[in-house]
Amino acid sequence: MAKAELPFPLKGLNKGMAASKQPPLTSLDMNNVRPYDVDDNRARGGQRPGLKLAYSQRIGGSANYPVVAILQVTTVV
């Protein structure tokens, strides 16, 4: 199987061009990521941290089984 190098888009989001014309190291679609790890001071891409806690207490789960997604459900009766 052939290997392909897929570099992280360190130059960020660029919605000004078609996907086939994207400038190098940019992406057509990104969400909640940042290009540099501030703890290790290196370019490697990663998840953007939250700005504040959504809840003051632990909800569901435990340290071994953290909540990984929360959604809102509306019912009509």
PDB file of N, CA and C in Angstrom:
ATOM      1  N   MET A   1       0.846  -1.179   0.000  1.00  0.00           N
ATOM      2  CA  MET A   1       0.000   0.000   0.000  1.00  0.00           C
ATOM      3  C   MET A   1       0.895   1.247   0.000  1.00  0.00           C
ATOM      4  N   ALA A   2       0.569   2.213  -0.823  1.00  0.00           N
ATOM      5  CA  ALA A   2       1.342   3.447  -0.907  1.00  0.00           C
ATOM      6  C   ALA A   2       1.098   4.308   0.324  1.00  0.00           C
ATOM      7  N   LYS A   3       2.132   4.984   0.776  1.00  0.00           N
ATOM      8  CA  LYS A   3       2.013   5.884   1.916  1.00  0.00           C
ATOM      9  C   LYS A   3       1.924   7.310   1.400  1.00  0.00           C
ATOM     10  N   ALA A   4       1.090   8.106   2.059  1.00  0.00           N
ATOM     11  CA  ALA A   4       0.944   9.511   1.683  1.00  0.00           C
ATOM     12  C   ALA A   4       1.228  10.369   2.904  1.00  0.00           C
ATOM     13  N   GLU A   5       1.954  11.441   2.712  1.00  0.00           N
ATOM     14  CA  GLU A   5       2.233  12.365   3.803  1.00  0.00           C
ATOM     15  C   GLU A   5       1.117  13.398   3.854  1.00  0.00           C
ATOM     16  N   LEU A   6       0.490  13.540   5.008  1.00  0.00           N
ATOM     17  CA  LEU A   6      -0.591  14.507   5.203  1.00  0.00           C
ATOM     18  C   LEU A   6      -0.175  15.482   6.298  1.00  0.00           C
ATOM     19  N   PRO A   7       0.469  16.581   5.944  1.00  0.00           N
ATOM     20  CA  PRO A   7       0.921  17.529   6.961  1.00  0.00           C
ATOM     21  C   PRO A   7      -0.250  18.257   7.611  1.00  0.00           C
ATOM     22  N   PHE A   8      -0.091  18.588   8.892  1.00  0.00           N
ATOM     23  CA  PHE A   8      -1.120  19.347   9.600  1.00  0.00           C
ATOM     24  C   PHE A   8      -1.202  20.745   8.991  1.00  0.00           C
ATOM     25  N   PRO A   9      -2.410  21.288   8.806  1.00  0.00           N
ATOM     26  CA  PRO A   9      -2.569  22.620   8.194  1.00  0.00           C
ATOM     27  C   PRO A   9      -2.170  23.745   9.154  1.00  0.00           C
ATOM     28  N   LEU A  10      -0.864  23.946   9.326  1.00  0.00           N
ATOM     29  CA  LEU A  10      -0.345  24.933  10.278  1.00  0.00           C
ATOM     30  C   LEU A  10      -0.733  26.369   9.936  1.00  0.00           C
ATOM     31  N   LYS A  11      -1.058  26.641   8.676  1.00  0.00           N
ATOM     32  CA  LYS A  11      -1.435  28.003   8.280  1.00  0.00           C
ATOM     33  C   LYS A  11      -2.926  28.260   8.451  1.00  0.00           C
ATOM     34  N   GLY A  12      -3.663  27.255   8.927  1.00  0.00           N
ATOM     35  CA  GLY A  12      -5.047  27.461   9.311  1.00  0.00           C
ATOM     36  C   GLY A  12      -6.092  27.311   8.226  1.00  0.00           C
ATOM     37  N   LEU A  13      -7.213  27.947   8.482  1.00  0.00           N
ATOM     38  CA  LEU A  13      -8.408  27.843   7.655  1.00  0.00           C
ATOM     39  C   LEU A  13      -8.341  28.808   6.474  1.00  0.00           C
ATOM     40  N   ASN A  14      -8.750  28.337   5.297  1.00  0.00           N
ATOM     41  CA  ASN A  14      -8.813  29.178   4.107  1.00  0.00           C
ATOM     42  C   ASN A  14     -10.048  28.765   3.321  1.00  0.00           C
ATOM     43  N   LYS A  15     -11.097  29.591   3.397  1.00  0.00           N
ATOM     44  CA  LYS A  15     -12.340  29.285   2.684  1.00  0.00           C
ATOM     45  C   LYS A  15     -12.457  30.067   1.382  1.00  0.00           C
ATOM     46  N   GLY A  16     -11.384  30.736   0.980  1.00  0.00           N
ATOM     47  CA  GLY A  16     -11.432  31.592  -0.198  1.00  0.00           C
ATOM     48  C   GLY A  16     -11.175  30.895  -1.516  1.00  0.00           C
ATOM     49  N   MET A  17     -10.869  29.600  -1.482  1.00  0.00           N
ATOM     50  CA  MET A  17     -10.542  28.894  -2.721  1.00  0.00           C
ATOM     51  C   MET A  17     -11.173  27.515  -2.730  1.00  0.00           C
ATOM     52  N   ALA A  18     -11.276  26.945  -3.917  1.00  0.00           N
ATOM     53  CA  ALA A  18     -11.781  25.576  -4.044  1.00  0.00           C
ATOM     54  C   ALA A  18     -10.808  24.620  -3.364  1.00  0.00           C
ATOM     55  N   ALA A  19     -11.306  23.467  -2.957  1.00  0.00           N
ATOM     56  CA  ALA A  19     -10.468  22.483  -2.266  1.00  0.00           C
ATOM     57  C   ALA A  19      -9.247  22.105  -3.098  1.00  0.00           C
ATOM     58  N   SER A  20      -9.413  22.015  -4.399  1.00  0.00           N
ATOM     59  CA  SER A  20      -8.291  21.628  -5.265  1.00  0.00           C
ATOM     60  C   SER A  20      -7.245  22.737  -5.414  1.00  0.00           C
ATOM     61  N   LYS A  21      -7.578  23.966  -5.009  1.00  0.00           N
ATOM     62  CA  LYS A  21      -6.671  25.107  -5.153  1.00  0.00           C
ATOM     63  C   LYS A  21      -6.173  25.632  -3.807  1.00  0.00           C
ATOM     64  N   GLN A  22      -6.363  24.868  -2.735  1.00  0.00           N
ATOM     65  CA  GLN A  22      -5.953  25.312  -1.405  1.00  0.00           C
ATOM     66  C   GLN A  22      -4.456  25.607  -1.366  1.00  0.00           C
ATOM     67  N   PRO A  23      -4.057  26.723  -0.737  1.00  0.00           N
ATOM     68  CA  PRO A  23      -2.628  26.981  -0.545  1.00  0.00           C
ATOM     69  C   PRO A  23      -2.020  25.904   0.366  1.00  0.00           C
ATOM     70  N   PRO A  24      -0.733  25.662   0.262  1.00  0.00           N
ATOM     71  CA  PRO A  24      -0.088  24.655   1.113  1.00  0.00           C
ATOM     72  C   PRO A  24      -0.295  24.948   2.600  1.00  0.00           C
ATOM     73  N   LEU A  25      -0.438  23.901   3.363  1.00  0.00           N
ATOM     74  CA  LEU A  25      -0.589  23.955   4.820  1.00  0.00           C
ATOM     75  C   LEU A  25      -1.827  24.711   5.282  1.00  0.00           C
ATOM     76  N   THR A  26      -2.887  24.747   4.452  1.00  0.00           N
ATOM     77  CA  THR A  26      -4.172  25.311   4.862  1.00  0.00           C
ATOM     78  C   THR A  26      -5.237  24.233   4.724  1.00  0.00           C
ATOM     79  N   SER A  27      -6.414  24.513   5.292  1.00  0.00           N
ATOM     80  CA  SER A  27      -7.515  23.558   5.238  1.00  0.00           C
ATOM     81  C   SER A  27      -8.799  24.272   4.846  1.00  0.00           C
ATOM     82  N   LEU A  28      -9.669  23.556   4.179  1.00  0.00           N
ATOM     83  CA  LEU A  28     -10.969  24.091   3.793  1.00  0.00           C
ATOM     84  C   LEU A  28     -11.945  24.043   4.971  1.00  0.00           C
ATOM     85  N   ASP A  29     -11.705  23.135   5.924  1.00  0.00           N
ATOM     86  CA  ASP A  29     -12.621  22.959   7.052  1.00  0.00           C
ATOM     87  C   ASP A  29     -11.841  22.557   8.298  1.00  0.00           C
ATOM     88  N   MET A  30     -11.972  23.352   9.353  1.00  0.00           N
ATOM     89  CA  MET A  30     -11.332  23.050  10.643  1.00  0.00           C
ATOM     90  C   MET A  30     -12.285  23.481  11.748  1.00  0.00           C
ATOM     91  N   ASN A  31     -12.205  22.808  12.883  1.00  0.00           N
ATOM     92  CA  ASN A  31     -13.065  23.166  14.001  1.00  0.00           C
ATOM     93  C   ASN A  31     -12.361  22.832  15.314  1.00  0.00           C
ATOM     94  N   ASN A  32     -12.209  23.830  16.164  1.00  0.00           N
ATOM     95  CA  ASN A  32     -11.645  23.660  17.506  1.00  0.00           C
ATOM     96  C   ASN A  32     -10.260  23.038  17.531  1.00  0.00           C
ATOM     97  N   VAL A  33      -9.388  23.503  16.677  1.00  0.00           N
ATOM     98  CA  VAL A  33      -7.999  23.040  16.694  1.00  0.00           C
ATOM     99  C   VAL A  33      -7.069  24.247  16.717  1.00  0.00           C
ATOM    100  N   ARG A  34      -5.860  24.004  17.159  1.00  0.00           N
ATOM    101  CA  ARG A  34      -4.842  25.042  17.110  1.00  0.00           C
ATOM    102  C   ARG A  34      -3.544  24.412  16.624  1.00  0.00           C
ATOM    103  N   PRO A  35      -2.709  25.197  15.946  1.00  0.00           N
ATOM    104  CA  PRO A  35      -1.532  24.610  15.313  1.00  0.00           C
ATOM    105  C   PRO A  35      -0.356  24.339  16.243  1.00  0.00           C
ATOM    106  N   TYR A  36      -0.272  25.018  17.373  1.00  0.00           N
ATOM    107  CA  TYR A  36       0.904  24.885  18.231  1.00  0.00           C
ATOM    108  C   TYR A  36       0.528  24.391  19.618  1.00  0.00           C
ATOM    109  N   ASP A  37       1.329  23.494  20.143  1.00  0.00           N
ATOM    110  CA  ASP A  37       1.167  22.992  21.503  1.00  0.00           C
ATOM    111  C   ASP A  37       1.880  23.971  22.428  1.00  0.00           C
ATOM    112  N   VAL A  38       1.122  24.692  23.254  1.00  0.00           N
ATOM    113  CA  VAL A  38       1.728  25.707  24.111  1.00  0.00           C
ATOM    114  C   VAL A  38       2.521  25.093  25.260  1.00  0.00           C
ATOM    115  N   ASP A  39       2.182  23.883  25.676  1.00  0.00           N
ATOM    116  CA  ASP A  39       2.917  23.235  26.760  1.00  0.00           C
ATOM    117  C   ASP A  39       4.309  22.809  26.309  1.00  0.00           C
ATOM    118  N   ASP A  40       4.403  22.215  25.128  1.00  0.00           N
ATOM    119  CA  ASP A  40       5.688  21.736  24.616  1.00  0.00           C
ATOM    120  C   ASP A  40       6.347  22.724  23.660  1.00  0.00           C
ATOM    121  N   ASN A  41       5.651  23.817  23.348  1.00  0.00           N
ATOM    122  CA  ASN A  41       6.154  24.847  22.438  1.00  0.00           C
ATOM    123  C   ASN A  41       6.647  24.248  21.122  1.00  0.00           C
ATOM    124  N   ARG A  42       5.759  23.468  20.500  1.00  0.00           N
ATOM    125  CA  ARG A  42       6.116  22.878  19.204  1.00  0.00           C
ATOM    126  C   ARG A  42       4.899  22.820  18.298  1.00  0.00           C
ATOM    127  N   ALA A  43       5.145  22.839  16.997  1.00  0.00           N
ATOM    128  CA  ALA A  43       4.068  22.786  16.014  1.00  0.00           C
ATOM    129  C   ALA A  43       3.686  21.335  15.790  1.00  0.00           C
ATOM    130  N   ARG A  44       2.482  20.975  16.198  1.00  0.00           N
ATOM    131  CA  ARG A  44       2.038  19.604  15.958  1.00  0.00           C
ATOM    132  C   ARG A  44       0.524  19.481  15.852  1.00  0.00           C
ATOM    133  N   GLY A  45      -0.189  20.549  16.082  1.00  0.00           N
ATOM    134  CA  GLY A  45      -1.642  20.501  15.995  1.00  0.00           C
ATOM    135  C   GLY A  45      -2.248  19.835  17.207  1.00  0.00           C
ATOM    136  N   GLY A  46      -3.430  20.267  17.563  1.00  0.00           N
ATOM    137  CA  GLY A  46      -4.099  19.668  18.704  1.00  0.00           C
ATOM    138  C   GLY A  46      -5.434  20.313  18.963  1.00  0.00           C
ATOM    139  N   GLN A  47      -6.149  19.762  19.914  1.00  0.00           N
ATOM    140  CA  GLN A  47      -7.473  20.247  20.267  1.00  0.00           C
ATOM    141  C   GLN A  47      -7.367  21.545  21.048  1.00  0.00           C
ATOM    142  N   ARG A  48      -8.235  22.494  20.723  1.00  0.00           N
ATOM    143  CA  ARG A  48      -8.274  23.749  21.467  1.00  0.00           C
ATOM    144  C   ARG A  48      -8.909  23.495  22.828  1.00  0.00           C
ATOM    145  N   PRO A  49      -8.325  24.004  23.908  1.00  0.00           N
ATOM    146  CA  PRO A  49      -8.915  23.789  25.229  1.00  0.00           C
ATOM    147  C   PRO A  49     -10.173  24.630  25.403  1.00  0.00           C
ATOM    148  N   GLY A  50     -11.024  24.219  26.297  1.00  0.00           N
ATOM    149  CA  GLY A  50     -12.226  24.988  26.597  1.00  0.00           C
ATOM    150  C   GLY A  50     -11.879  26.275  27.330  1.00  0.00           C
ATOM    151  N   LEU A  51     -12.777  27.244  27.284  1.00  0.00           N
ATOM    152  CA  LEU A  51     -12.536  28.513  27.958  1.00  0.00           C
ATOM    153  C   LEU A  51     -12.926  28.466  29.425  1.00  0.00           C
ATOM    154  N   LYS A  52     -13.927  27.656  29.751  1.00  0.00           N
ATOM    155  CA  LYS A  52     -14.358  27.514  31.141  1.00  0.00           C
ATOM    156  C   LYS A  52     -15.077  26.184  31.283  1.00  0.00           C
ATOM    157  N   LEU A  53     -15.240  25.733  32.517  1.00  0.00           N
ATOM    158  CA  LEU A  53     -15.970  24.499  32.765  1.00  0.00           C
ATOM    159  C   LEU A  53     -17.449  24.710  32.468  1.00  0.00           C
ATOM    160  N   ALA A  54     -18.073  23.749  31.843  1.00  0.00           N
ATOM    161  CA  ALA A  54     -19.502  23.847  31.557  1.00  0.00           C
ATOM    162  C   ALA A  54     -20.319  23.622  32.834  1.00  0.00           C
ATOM    163  N   TYR A  55     -19.804  22.778  33.737  1.00  0.00           N
ATOM    164  CA  TYR A  55     -20.488  22.462  34.991  1.00  0.00           C
ATOM    165  C   TYR A  55     -19.489  22.548  36.132  1.00  0.00           C
ATOM    166  N   SER A  56     -19.932  22.986  37.303  1.00  0.00           N
ATOM    167  CA  SER A  56     -19.029  23.110  38.441  1.00  0.00           C
ATOM    168  C   SER A  56     -18.746  21.770  39.111  1.00  0.00           C
ATOM    169  N   GLN A  57     -19.560  20.771  38.846  1.00  0.00           N
ATOM    170  CA  GLN A  57     -19.359  19.449  39.443  1.00  0.00           C
ATOM    171  C   GLN A  57     -19.239  18.413  38.334  1.00  0.00           C
ATOM    172  N   ARG A  58     -18.679  17.257  38.666  1.00  0.00           N
ATOM    173  CA  ARG A  58     -18.538  16.180  37.685  1.00  0.00           C
ATOM    174  C   ARG A  58     -19.932  15.662  37.328  1.00  0.00           C
ATOM    175  N   ILE A  59     -20.202  15.515  36.048  1.00  0.00           N
ATOM    176  CA  ILE A  59     -21.487  14.964  35.625  1.00  0.00           C
ATOM    177  C   ILE A  59     -21.255  13.619  34.975  1.00  0.00           C
ATOM    178  N   GLY A  60     -21.983  12.611  35.408  1.00  0.00           N
ATOM    179  CA  GLY A  60     -21.846  11.275  34.828  1.00  0.00           C
ATOM    180  C   GLY A  60     -20.407  10.824  34.813  1.00  0.00           C
ATOM    181  N   GLY A  61     -20.200   9.613  34.449  1.00  0.00           N
ATOM    182  CA  GLY A  61     -18.839   9.114  34.289  1.00  0.00           C
ATOM    183  C   GLY A  61     -17.972   9.264  35.525  1.00  0.00           C
ATOM    184  N   SER A  62     -16.727   8.931  35.383  1.00  0.00           N
ATOM    185  CA  SER A  62     -15.729   9.073  36.431  1.00  0.00           C
ATOM    186  C   SER A  62     -14.413   9.392  35.741  1.00  0.00           C
ATOM    187  N   ALA A  63     -13.347   9.411  36.498  1.00  0.00           N
ATOM    188  CA  ALA A  63     -12.043   9.692  35.895  1.00  0.00           C
ATOM    189  C   ALA A  63     -11.697   8.649  34.833  1.00  0.00           C
ATOM    190  N   ASN A  64     -12.151   7.409  35.037  1.00  0.00           N
ATOM    191  CA  ASN A  64     -11.869   6.344  34.071  1.00  0.00           C
ATOM    192  C   ASN A  64     -12.829   6.351  32.887  1.00  0.00           C
ATOM    193  N   TYR A  65     -14.005   6.951  33.066  1.00  0.00           N
ATOM    194  CA  TYR A  65     -15.020   6.981  32.008  1.00  0.00           C
ATOM    195  C   TYR A  65     -15.577   8.400  31.890  1.00  0.00           C
ATOM    196  N   PRO A  66     -14.809   9.333  31.336  1.00  0.00           N
ATOM    197  CA  PRO A  66     -15.286  10.708  31.250  1.00  0.00           C
ATOM    198  C   PRO A  66     -16.394  10.868  30.212  1.00  0.00           C
ATOM    199  N   VAL A  67     -17.204  11.905  30.388  1.00  0.00           N
ATOM    200  CA  VAL A  67     -18.221  12.248  29.396  1.00  0.00           C
ATOM    201  C   VAL A  67     -17.483  12.776  28.165  1.00  0.00           C
ATOM    202  N   VAL A  68     -17.785  12.239  26.996  1.00  0.00           N
ATOM    203  CA  VAL A  68     -17.098  12.671  25.780  1.00  0.00           C
ATOM    204  C   VAL A  68     -18.007  13.442  24.826  1.00  0.00           C
ATOM    205  N   ALA A  69     -19.316  13.457  25.091  1.00  0.00           N
ATOM    206  CA  ALA A  69     -20.232  14.211  24.237  1.00  0.00           C
ATOM    207  C   ALA A  69     -21.490  14.550  25.026  1.00  0.00           C
ATOM    208  N   ILE A  70     -22.003  15.738  24.806  1.00  0.00           N
ATOM    209  CA  ILE A  70     -23.251  16.174  25.434  1.00  0.00           C
ATOM    210  C   ILE A  70     -24.122  16.744  24.326  1.00  0.00           C
ATOM    211  N   LEU A  71     -25.376  16.359  24.298  1.00  0.00           N
ATOM    212  CA  LEU A  71     -26.282  16.929  23.319  1.00  0.00           C
ATOM    213  C   LEU A  71     -27.622  17.242  23.953  1.00  0.00           C
ATOM    214  N   GLN A  72     -28.390  18.059  23.284  1.00  0.00           N
ATOM    215  CA  GLN A  72     -29.687  18.487  23.780  1.00  0.00           C
ATOM    216  C   GLN A  72     -30.768  17.764  22.996  1.00  0.00           C
ATOM    217  N   VAL A  73     -31.774  17.268  23.709  1.00  0.00           N
ATOM    218  CA  VAL A  73     -32.877  16.554  23.075  1.00  0.00           C
ATOM    219  C   VAL A  73     -34.168  17.273  23.428  1.00  0.00           C
ATOM    220  N   THR A  74     -34.994  17.536  22.433  1.00  0.00           N
ATOM    221  CA  THR A  74     -36.294  18.158  22.650  1.00  0.00           C
ATOM    222  C   THR A  74     -37.366  17.162  22.252  1.00  0.00           C
ATOM    223  N   THR A  75     -38.342  16.970  23.126  1.00  0.00           N
ATOM    224  CA  THR A  75     -39.436  16.057  22.800  1.00  0.00           C
ATOM    225  C   THR A  75     -40.732  16.837  22.685  1.00  0.00           C
ATOM    226  N   VAL A  76     -41.592  16.382  21.811  1.00  0.00           N
ATOM    227  CA  VAL A  76     -42.907  16.991  21.628  1.00  0.00           C
ATOM    228  C   VAL A  76     -43.933  15.936  21.987  1.00  0.00           C
ATOM    229  N   VAL A  77     -44.800  16.258  22.944  1.00  0.00           N
ATOM    230  CA  VAL A  77     -45.809  15.290  23.391  1.00  0.00           C
ATOM    231  C   VAL A  77     -47.171  15.746  22.944  1.00  0.00           C
TER     232      VAL A  77
END
